[in-house]
Every structure is written in C-alpha cells, then in structure tokens.
C-alpha cells in the first residue's frame, strides 16, 4: 500500500441504494468497499481512451479560432463539400 503522502482523499456522494449494493458486494467478496472502488478507478483509467497528438492539435486550433469555416446554411455547406 502507498504511504500517506502518496495518497489523496476524495469524498463522493452516491445514492443510498448504490451504497447498500456496494457494501453487500464487498461483504460477499470478502473485500472492503475501498478496495472495490480503487480497483474500479484503476480499471477505468487504464482503459480510458485519450486523444492522439493530431486530435489534440485540432482541438487546440479550434479553441484558438483557427481552421474554422463558416457556411450560410446546410445547402452552402453541402455545395462546398461537393455533396
């Protein structure tokens, strides 16, 4: 287990029904609720999809207002796209 200096504490409010389910699941699997929650977070973070460099660059450019094209309406858009 990590030392106290390596850990951070959070508080999360969940519906009572979910808390009861989590507590029951912990008891059934002989684990603590904390273990289940930490495992779930680690699993989520390890499987999360992150944007690649090209996508991050495109997002950055859009946020700066670069590469944005305006059209009068959908007809104008389709015409310029050749559709």
PDB file of N, CA and C in Angstrom:
ATOM      1  N   UNK A   1       0.836  -1.186   0.000  1.00  0.00           N
ATOM      2  CA  UNK A   1       0.000   0.000   0.000  1.00  0.00           C
ATOM      3  C   UNK A   1       0.878   1.245   0.000  1.00  0.00           C
ATOM      4  N   UNK A   2       0.389   2.266  -0.619  1.00  0.00           N
ATOM      5  CA  UNK A   2       1.136   3.516  -0.714  1.00  0.00           C
ATOM      6  C   UNK A   2       1.166   4.205   0.650  1.00  0.00           C
ATOM      7  N   UNK A   3       2.197   5.025   0.847  1.00  0.00           N
ATOM      8  CA  UNK A   3       2.294   5.772   2.091  1.00  0.00           C
ATOM      9  C   UNK A   3       1.267   6.894   2.093  1.00  0.00           C
ATOM     10  N   UNK A   4       1.017   7.440   3.257  1.00  0.00           N
ATOM     11  CA  UNK A   4       0.012   8.502   3.410  1.00  0.00           C
ATOM     12  C   UNK A   4       0.314   9.709   2.519  1.00  0.00           C
ATOM     13  N   UNK A   5       1.607  10.035   2.325  1.00  0.00           N
ATOM     14  CA  UNK A   5       1.988  11.172   1.486  1.00  0.00           C
ATOM     15  C   UNK A   5       1.699  10.926   0.013  1.00  0.00           C
ATOM     16  N   UNK A   6       1.559   9.668  -0.397  1.00  0.00           N
ATOM     17  CA  UNK A   6       1.309   9.337  -1.800  1.00  0.00           C
ATOM     18  C   UNK A   6      -0.174   9.218  -2.118  1.00  0.00           C
ATOM     19  N   UNK A   7      -1.008   9.361  -1.111  1.00  0.00           N
ATOM     20  CA  UNK A   7      -2.441   9.196  -1.297  1.00  0.00           C
ATOM     21  C   UNK A   7      -3.159  10.533  -1.245  1.00  0.00           C
ATOM     22  N   UNK A   8      -4.319  10.578  -1.850  1.00  0.00           N
ATOM     23  CA  UNK A   8      -5.169  11.753  -1.817  1.00  0.00           C
ATOM     24  C   UNK A   8      -6.570  11.285  -1.451  1.00  0.00           C
ATOM     25  N   UNK A   9      -7.276  12.064  -0.663  1.00  0.00           N
ATOM     26  CA  UNK A   9      -8.603  11.679  -0.205  1.00  0.00           C
ATOM     27  C   UNK A   9      -9.667  12.436  -1.000  1.00  0.00           C
ATOM     28  N   UNK A  10     -10.731  11.715  -1.361  1.00  0.00           N
ATOM     29  CA  UNK A  10     -11.873  12.359  -2.008  1.00  0.00           C
ATOM     30  C   UNK A  10     -13.148  11.917  -1.295  1.00  0.00           C
ATOM     31  N   UNK A  11     -14.173  12.699  -1.441  1.00  0.00           N
ATOM     32  CA  UNK A  11     -15.485  12.350  -0.903  1.00  0.00           C
ATOM     33  C   UNK A  11     -16.459  12.335  -2.067  1.00  0.00           C
ATOM     34  N   UNK A  12     -17.211  11.269  -2.165  1.00  0.00           N
ATOM     35  CA  UNK A  12     -18.167  11.132  -3.267  1.00  0.00           C
ATOM     36  C   UNK A  12     -19.526  10.783  -2.683  1.00  0.00           C
ATOM     37  N   UNK A  13     -20.546  11.507  -3.086  1.00  0.00           N
ATOM     38  CA  UNK A  13     -21.911  11.205  -2.667  1.00  0.00           C
ATOM     39  C   UNK A  13     -22.532  10.285  -3.708  1.00  0.00           C
ATOM     40  N   UNK A  14     -23.067   9.160  -3.236  1.00  0.00           N
ATOM     41  CA  UNK A  14     -23.742   8.225  -4.136  1.00  0.00           C
ATOM     42  C   UNK A  14     -25.121   7.912  -3.554  1.00  0.00           C
ATOM     43  N   UNK A  15     -26.035   7.457  -4.395  1.00  0.00           N
ATOM     44  CA  UNK A  15     -27.361   7.101  -3.888  1.00  0.00           C
ATOM     45  C   UNK A  15     -27.265   6.006  -2.821  1.00  0.00           C
ATOM     46  N   UNK A  16     -28.139   6.080  -1.826  1.00  0.00           N
ATOM     47  CA  UNK A  16     -28.121   5.104  -0.727  1.00  0.00           C
ATOM     48  C   UNK A  16     -28.243   3.675  -1.239  1.00  0.00           C
ATOM     49  N   UNK A  17     -29.070   3.485  -2.258  1.00  0.00           N
ATOM     50  CA  UNK A  17     -29.249   2.137  -2.797  1.00  0.00           C
ATOM     51  C   UNK A  17     -27.931   1.595  -3.362  1.00  0.00           C
ATOM     52  N   UNK A  18     -27.135   2.454  -4.020  1.00  0.00           N
ATOM     53  CA  UNK A  18     -25.845   2.014  -4.554  1.00  0.00           C
ATOM     54  C   UNK A  18     -24.853   1.739  -3.429  1.00  0.00           C
ATOM     55  N   UNK A  19     -24.927   2.524  -2.375  1.00  0.00           N
ATOM     56  CA  UNK A  19     -24.048   2.299  -1.217  1.00  0.00           C
ATOM     57  C   UNK A  19     -24.346   0.930  -0.593  1.00  0.00           C
ATOM     58  N   UNK A  20     -25.631   0.602  -0.484  1.00  0.00           N
ATOM     59  CA  UNK A  20     -26.022  -0.699   0.076  1.00  0.00           C
ATOM     60  C   UNK A  20     -25.538  -1.836  -0.814  1.00  0.00           C
ATOM     61  N   UNK A  21     -25.664  -1.664  -2.131  1.00  0.00           N
ATOM     62  CA  UNK A  21     -25.202  -2.692  -3.068  1.00  0.00           C
ATOM     63  C   UNK A  21     -23.690  -2.873  -2.967  1.00  0.00           C
ATOM     64  N   UNK A  22     -22.972  -1.760  -2.890  1.00  0.00           N
ATOM     65  CA  UNK A  22     -21.514  -1.817  -2.786  1.00  0.00           C
ATOM     66  C   UNK A  22     -21.097  -2.511  -1.495  1.00  0.00           C
ATOM     67  N   UNK A  23     -21.766  -2.173  -0.406  1.00  0.00           N
ATOM     68  CA  UNK A  23     -21.454  -2.774   0.891  1.00  0.00           C
ATOM     69  C   UNK A  23     -21.722  -4.283   0.868  1.00  0.00           C
ATOM     70  N   UNK A  24     -22.820  -4.675   0.240  1.00  0.00           N
ATOM     71  CA  UNK A  24     -23.158  -6.103   0.125  1.00  0.00           C
ATOM     72  C   UNK A  24     -22.142  -6.824  -0.752  1.00  0.00           C
ATOM     73  N   UNK A  25     -21.754  -6.207  -1.872  1.00  0.00           N
ATOM     74  CA  UNK A  25     -20.778  -6.823  -2.765  1.00  0.00           C
ATOM     75  C   UNK A  25     -19.438  -6.984  -2.053  1.00  0.00           C
ATOM     76  N   UNK A  26     -19.057  -5.994  -1.278  1.00  0.00           N
ATOM     77  CA  UNK A  26     -17.810  -6.075  -0.527  1.00  0.00           C
ATOM     78  C   UNK A  26     -17.866  -7.246   0.456  1.00  0.00           C
ATOM     79  N   UNK A  27     -18.976  -7.380   1.164  1.00  0.00           N
ATOM     80  CA  UNK A  27     -19.123  -8.468   2.129  1.00  0.00           C
ATOM     81  C   UNK A  27     -19.107  -9.831   1.436  1.00  0.00           C
ATOM     82  N   UNK A  28     -19.793  -9.918   0.296  1.00  0.00           N
ATOM     83  CA  UNK A  28     -19.849 -11.191  -0.437  1.00  0.00           C
ATOM     84  C   UNK A  28     -18.497 -11.619  -0.997  1.00  0.00           C
ATOM     85  N   UNK A  29     -17.654 -10.646  -1.319  1.00  0.00           N
ATOM     86  CA  UNK A  29     -16.352 -10.956  -1.929  1.00  0.00           C
ATOM     87  C   UNK A  29     -15.196 -10.843  -0.937  1.00  0.00           C
ATOM     88  N   UNK A  30     -15.529 -10.630   0.339  1.00  0.00           N
ATOM     89  CA  UNK A  30     -14.517 -10.506   1.404  1.00  0.00           C
ATOM     90  C   UNK A  30     -13.496  -9.408   1.104  1.00  0.00           C
ATOM     91  N   UNK A  31     -13.993  -8.311   0.573  1.00  0.00           N
ATOM     92  CA  UNK A  31     -13.138  -7.162   0.285  1.00  0.00           C
ATOM     93  C   UNK A  31     -13.768  -5.933   0.908  1.00  0.00           C
ATOM     94  N   UNK A  32     -12.985  -4.885   1.026  1.00  0.00           N
ATOM     95  CA  UNK A  32     -13.541  -3.639   1.545  1.00  0.00           C
ATOM     96  C   UNK A  32     -14.162  -2.846   0.401  1.00  0.00           C
ATOM     97  N   UNK A  33     -15.046  -1.922   0.756  1.00  0.00           N
ATOM     98  CA  UNK A  33     -15.630  -1.062  -0.264  1.00  0.00           C
ATOM     99  C   UNK A  33     -14.520  -0.244  -0.912  1.00  0.00           C
ATOM    100  N   UNK A  34     -13.548   0.185  -0.125  1.00  0.00           N
ATOM    101  CA  UNK A  34     -12.417   0.960  -0.647  1.00  0.00           C
ATOM    102  C   UNK A  34     -11.677   0.177  -1.724  1.00  0.00           C
ATOM    103  N   UNK A  35     -11.427  -1.109  -1.468  1.00  0.00           N
ATOM    104  CA  UNK A  35     -10.714  -1.935  -2.448  1.00  0.00           C
ATOM    105  C   UNK A  35     -11.484  -2.003  -3.769  1.00  0.00           C
ATOM    106  N   UNK A  36     -12.775  -2.184  -3.682  1.00  0.00           N
ATOM    107  CA  UNK A  36     -13.595  -2.267  -4.891  1.00  0.00           C
ATOM    108  C   UNK A  36     -13.569  -0.942  -5.649  1.00  0.00           C
ATOM    109  N   UNK A  37     -13.706   0.162  -4.930  1.00  0.00           N
ATOM    110  CA  UNK A  37     -13.713   1.481  -5.566  1.00  0.00           C
ATOM    111  C   UNK A  37     -12.366   1.786  -6.214  1.00  0.00           C
ATOM    112  N   UNK A  38     -11.270   1.551  -5.490  1.00  0.00           N
ATOM    113  CA  UNK A  38      -9.937   1.825  -6.043  1.00  0.00           C
ATOM    114  C   UNK A  38      -9.682   0.951  -7.264  1.00  0.00           C
ATOM    115  N   UNK A  39     -10.054  -0.323  -7.195  1.00  0.00           N
ATOM    116  CA  UNK A  39      -9.881  -1.223  -8.336  1.00  0.00           C
ATOM    117  C   UNK A  39     -10.688  -0.728  -9.539  1.00  0.00           C
ATOM    118  N   UNK A  40     -11.909  -0.271  -9.299  1.00  0.00           N
ATOM    119  CA  UNK A  40     -12.754   0.230 -10.384  1.00  0.00           C
ATOM    120  C   UNK A  40     -12.143   1.474 -11.027  1.00  0.00           C
ATOM    121  N   UNK A  41     -11.618   2.373 -10.209  1.00  0.00           N
ATOM    122  CA  UNK A  41     -10.986   3.578 -10.739  1.00  0.00           C
ATOM    123  C   UNK A  41      -9.750   3.216 -11.555  1.00  0.00           C
ATOM    124  N   UNK A  42      -8.910   2.324 -11.029  1.00  0.00           N
ATOM    125  CA  UNK A  42      -7.699   1.915 -11.749  1.00  0.00           C
ATOM    126  C   UNK A  42      -8.052   1.261 -13.075  1.00  0.00           C
ATOM    127  N   UNK A  43      -9.081   0.409 -13.081  1.00  0.00           N
ATOM    128  CA  UNK A  43      -9.517  -0.261 -14.312  1.00  0.00           C
ATOM    129  C   UNK A  43     -10.018   0.765 -15.332  1.00  0.00           C
ATOM    130  N   UNK A  44     -10.790   1.730 -14.864  1.00  0.00           N
ATOM    131  CA  UNK A  44     -11.307   2.767 -15.761  1.00  0.00           C
ATOM    132  C   UNK A  44     -10.164   3.576 -16.359  1.00  0.00           C
ATOM    133  N   UNK A  45      -9.235   4.005 -15.527  1.00  0.00           N
ATOM    134  CA  UNK A  45      -8.123   4.831 -16.006  1.00  0.00           C
ATOM    135  C   UNK A  45      -7.214   4.079 -16.963  1.00  0.00           C
ATOM    136  N   UNK A  46      -7.035   2.787 -16.740  1.00  0.00           N
ATOM    137  CA  UNK A  46      -6.154   2.020 -17.621  1.00  0.00           C
ATOM    138  C   UNK A  46      -6.796   1.745 -18.976  1.00  0.00           C
ATOM    139  N   UNK A  47      -8.127   1.805 -19.037  1.00  0.00           N
ATOM    140  CA  UNK A  47      -8.801   1.526 -20.308  1.00  0.00           C
ATOM    141  C   UNK A  47      -9.298   2.802 -20.997  1.00  0.00           C
ATOM    142  N   UNK A  48      -9.078   3.948 -20.377  1.00  0.00           N
ATOM    143  CA  UNK A  48      -9.564   5.211 -20.943  1.00  0.00           C
ATOM    144  C   UNK A  48      -8.870   5.502 -22.263  1.00  0.00           C
ATOM    145  N   UNK A  49      -9.614   6.018 -23.183  1.00  0.00           N
ATOM    146  CA  UNK A  49      -9.082   6.381 -24.497  1.00  0.00           C
ATOM    147  C   UNK A  49      -8.702   7.858 -24.473  1.00  0.00           C
ATOM    148  N   UNK A  50      -7.476   8.148 -24.802  1.00  0.00           N
ATOM    149  CA  UNK A  50      -7.000   9.522 -24.832  1.00  0.00           C
ATOM    150  C   UNK A  50      -6.816   9.962 -26.277  1.00  0.00           C
ATOM    151  N   UNK A  51      -7.092  11.229 -26.575  1.00  0.00           N
ATOM    152  CA  UNK A  51      -6.916  11.708 -27.942  1.00  0.00           C
ATOM    153  C   UNK A  51      -5.447  11.630 -28.364  1.00  0.00           C
ATOM    154  N   UNK A  52      -5.212  11.299 -29.637  1.00  0.00           N
ATOM    155  CA  UNK A  52      -3.840  11.266 -30.140  1.00  0.00           C
ATOM    156  C   UNK A  52      -3.351  12.694 -30.406  1.00  0.00           C
ATOM    157  N   UNK A  53      -2.083  12.831 -30.785  1.00  0.00           N
ATOM    158  CA  UNK A  53      -1.481  14.158 -30.980  1.00  0.00           C
ATOM    159  C   UNK A  53      -2.215  14.970 -32.042  1.00  0.00           C
ATOM    160  N   UNK A  54      -2.628  14.309 -33.119  1.00  0.00           N
ATOM    161  CA  UNK A  54      -3.307  15.015 -34.204  1.00  0.00           C
ATOM    162  C   UNK A  54      -4.642  15.597 -33.718  1.00  0.00           C
ATOM    163  N   UNK A  55      -5.376  14.815 -32.948  1.00  0.00           N
ATOM    164  CA  UNK A  55      -6.653  15.284 -32.416  1.00  0.00           C
ATOM    165  C   UNK A  55      -6.448  16.413 -31.422  1.00  0.00           C
ATOM    166  N   UNK A  56      -5.454  16.273 -30.534  1.00  0.00           N
ATOM    167  CA  UNK A  56      -5.161  17.330 -29.559  1.00  0.00           C
ATOM    168  C   UNK A  56      -4.801  18.637 -30.262  1.00  0.00           C
ATOM    169  N   UNK A  57      -4.028  18.537 -31.362  1.00  0.00           N
ATOM    170  CA  UNK A  57      -3.646  19.727 -32.124  1.00  0.00           C
ATOM    171  C   UNK A  57      -4.884  20.369 -32.749  1.00  0.00           C
ATOM    172  N   UNK A  58      -5.781  19.561 -33.295  1.00  0.00           N
ATOM    173  CA  UNK A  58      -7.004  20.077 -33.917  1.00  0.00           C
ATOM    174  C   UNK A  58      -7.874  20.774 -32.877  1.00  0.00           C
ATOM    175  N   UNK A  59      -7.991  20.197 -31.700  1.00  0.00           N
ATOM    176  CA  UNK A  59      -8.773  20.810 -30.624  1.00  0.00           C
ATOM    177  C   UNK A  59      -8.162  22.150 -30.234  1.00  0.00           C
ATOM    178  N   UNK A  60      -6.853  22.179 -30.100  1.00  0.00           N
ATOM    179  CA  UNK A  60      -6.146  23.404 -29.736  1.00  0.00           C
ATOM    180  C   UNK A  60      -6.378  24.504 -30.785  1.00  0.00           C
ATOM    181  N   UNK A  61      -6.304  24.137 -32.059  1.00  0.00           N
ATOM    182  CA  UNK A  61      -6.506  25.109 -33.125  1.00  0.00           C
ATOM    183  C   UNK A  61      -7.934  25.649 -33.136  1.00  0.00           C
ATOM    184  N   UNK A  62      -8.901  24.781 -32.921  1.00  0.00           N
ATOM    185  CA  UNK A  62     -10.299  25.218 -32.877  1.00  0.00           C
ATOM    186  C   UNK A  62     -10.510  26.171 -31.704  1.00  0.00           C
ATOM    187  N   UNK A  63      -9.919  25.856 -30.551  1.00  0.00           N
ATOM    188  CA  UNK A  63     -10.047  26.736 -29.388  1.00  0.00           C
ATOM    189  C   UNK A  63      -9.446  28.110 -29.651  1.00  0.00           C
ATOM    190  N   UNK A  64      -8.434  28.173 -30.527  1.00  0.00           N
ATOM    191  CA  UNK A  64      -7.807  29.446 -30.893  1.00  0.00           C
ATOM    192  C   UNK A  64      -8.528  30.122 -32.063  1.00  0.00           C
ATOM    193  N   UNK A  65      -9.529  29.441 -32.609  1.00  0.00           N
ATOM    194  CA  UNK A  65     -10.284  30.001 -33.718  1.00  0.00           C
ATOM    195  C   UNK A  65      -9.660  29.751 -35.075  1.00  0.00           C
ATOM    196  N   UNK A  66      -8.674  28.847 -35.146  1.00  0.00           N
ATOM    197  CA  UNK A  66      -8.011  28.553 -36.417  1.00  0.00           C
ATOM    198  C   UNK A  66      -8.734  27.418 -37.139  1.00  0.00           C
ATOM    199  N   UNK A  67      -8.713  27.488 -38.475  1.00  0.00           N
ATOM    200  CA  UNK A  67      -9.243  26.399 -39.292  1.00  0.00           C
ATOM    201  C   UNK A  67     -10.747  26.234 -39.234  1.00  0.00           C
ATOM    202  N   UNK A  68     -11.446  27.268 -38.805  1.00  0.00           N
ATOM    203  CA  UNK A  68     -12.904  27.192 -38.723  1.00  0.00           C
ATOM    204  C   UNK A  68     -13.496  27.819 -39.981  1.00  0.00           C
ATOM    205  N   UNK A  69     -14.385  27.075 -40.604  1.00  0.00           N
ATOM    206  CA  UNK A  69     -15.041  27.562 -41.817  1.00  0.00           C
ATOM    207  C   UNK A  69     -16.512  27.782 -41.525  1.00  0.00           C
ATOM    208  N   UNK A  70     -17.026  28.908 -41.977  1.00  0.00           N
ATOM    209  CA  UNK A  70     -18.443  29.209 -41.766  1.00  0.00           C
ATOM    210  C   UNK A  70     -19.202  29.073 -43.079  1.00  0.00           C
ATOM    211  N   UNK A  71     -20.441  28.629 -42.948  1.00  0.00           N
ATOM    212  CA  UNK A  71     -21.310  28.469 -44.101  1.00  0.00           C
ATOM    213  C   UNK A  71     -22.624  29.184 -43.834  1.00  0.00           C
ATOM    214  N   UNK A  72     -23.265  29.652 -44.893  1.00  0.00           N
ATOM    215  CA  UNK A  72     -24.539  30.366 -44.759  1.00  0.00           C
ATOM    216  C   UNK A  72     -25.627  29.439 -44.239  1.00  0.00           C
ATOM    217  N   UNK A  73     -25.641  28.204 -44.772  1.00  0.00           N
ATOM    218  CA  UNK A  73     -26.648  27.226 -44.391  1.00  0.00           C
ATOM    219  C   UNK A  73     -26.169  25.847 -44.827  1.00  0.00           C
ATOM    220  N   UNK A  74     -26.995  24.831 -44.607  1.00  0.00           N
ATOM    221  CA  UNK A  74     -26.594  23.471 -44.973  1.00  0.00           C
ATOM    222  C   UNK A  74     -26.409  23.315 -46.476  1.00  0.00           C
ATOM    223  N   UNK A  75     -27.205  24.022 -47.235  1.00  0.00           N
ATOM    224  CA  UNK A  75     -27.082  23.953 -48.696  1.00  0.00           C
ATOM    225  C   UNK A  75     -25.694  24.437 -49.120  1.00  0.00           C
ATOM    226  N   UNK A  76     -25.245  25.541 -48.535  1.00  0.00           N
ATOM    227  CA  UNK A  76     -23.916  26.088 -48.819  1.00  0.00           C
ATOM    228  C   UNK A  76     -22.827  25.104 -48.384  1.00  0.00           C
ATOM    229  N   UNK A  77     -23.004  24.506 -47.220  1.00  0.00           N
ATOM    230  CA  UNK A  77     -22.046  23.506 -46.704  1.00  0.00           C
ATOM    231  C   UNK A  77     -21.929  22.331 -47.672  1.00  0.00           C
ATOM    232  N   UNK A  78     -23.064  21.751 -48.038  1.00  0.00           N
ATOM    233  CA  UNK A  78     -23.056  20.595 -48.933  1.00  0.00           C
ATOM    234  C   UNK A  78     -22.445  20.936 -50.286  1.00  0.00           C
ATOM    235  N   UNK A  79     -22.729  22.119 -50.763  1.00  0.00           N
ATOM    236  CA  UNK A  79     -22.179  22.550 -52.051  1.00  0.00           C
ATOM    237  C   UNK A  79     -20.663  22.599 -51.977  1.00  0.00           C
ATOM    238  N   UNK A  80     -20.129  23.180 -50.934  1.00  0.00           N
ATOM    239  CA  UNK A  80     -18.662  23.298 -50.794  1.00  0.00           C
ATOM    240  C   UNK A  80     -17.998  21.958 -50.522  1.00  0.00           C
ATOM    241  N   UNK A  81     -18.761  21.012 -49.950  1.00  0.00           N
ATOM    242  CA  UNK A  81     -18.232  19.667 -49.727  1.00  0.00           C
ATOM    243  C   UNK A  81     -18.392  18.781 -50.972  1.00  0.00           C
ATOM    244  N   UNK A  82     -19.129  19.274 -51.946  1.00  0.00           N
ATOM    245  CA  UNK A  82     -19.338  18.504 -53.168  1.00  0.00           C
ATOM    246  C   UNK A  82     -20.374  17.408 -53.016  1.00  0.00           C
ATOM    247  N   UNK A  83     -21.296  17.615 -52.131  1.00  0.00           N
ATOM    248  CA  UNK A  83     -22.339  16.600 -51.886  1.00  0.00           C
ATOM    249  C   UNK A  83     -23.623  17.036 -52.547  1.00  0.00           C
TER     250      UNK A  83
END
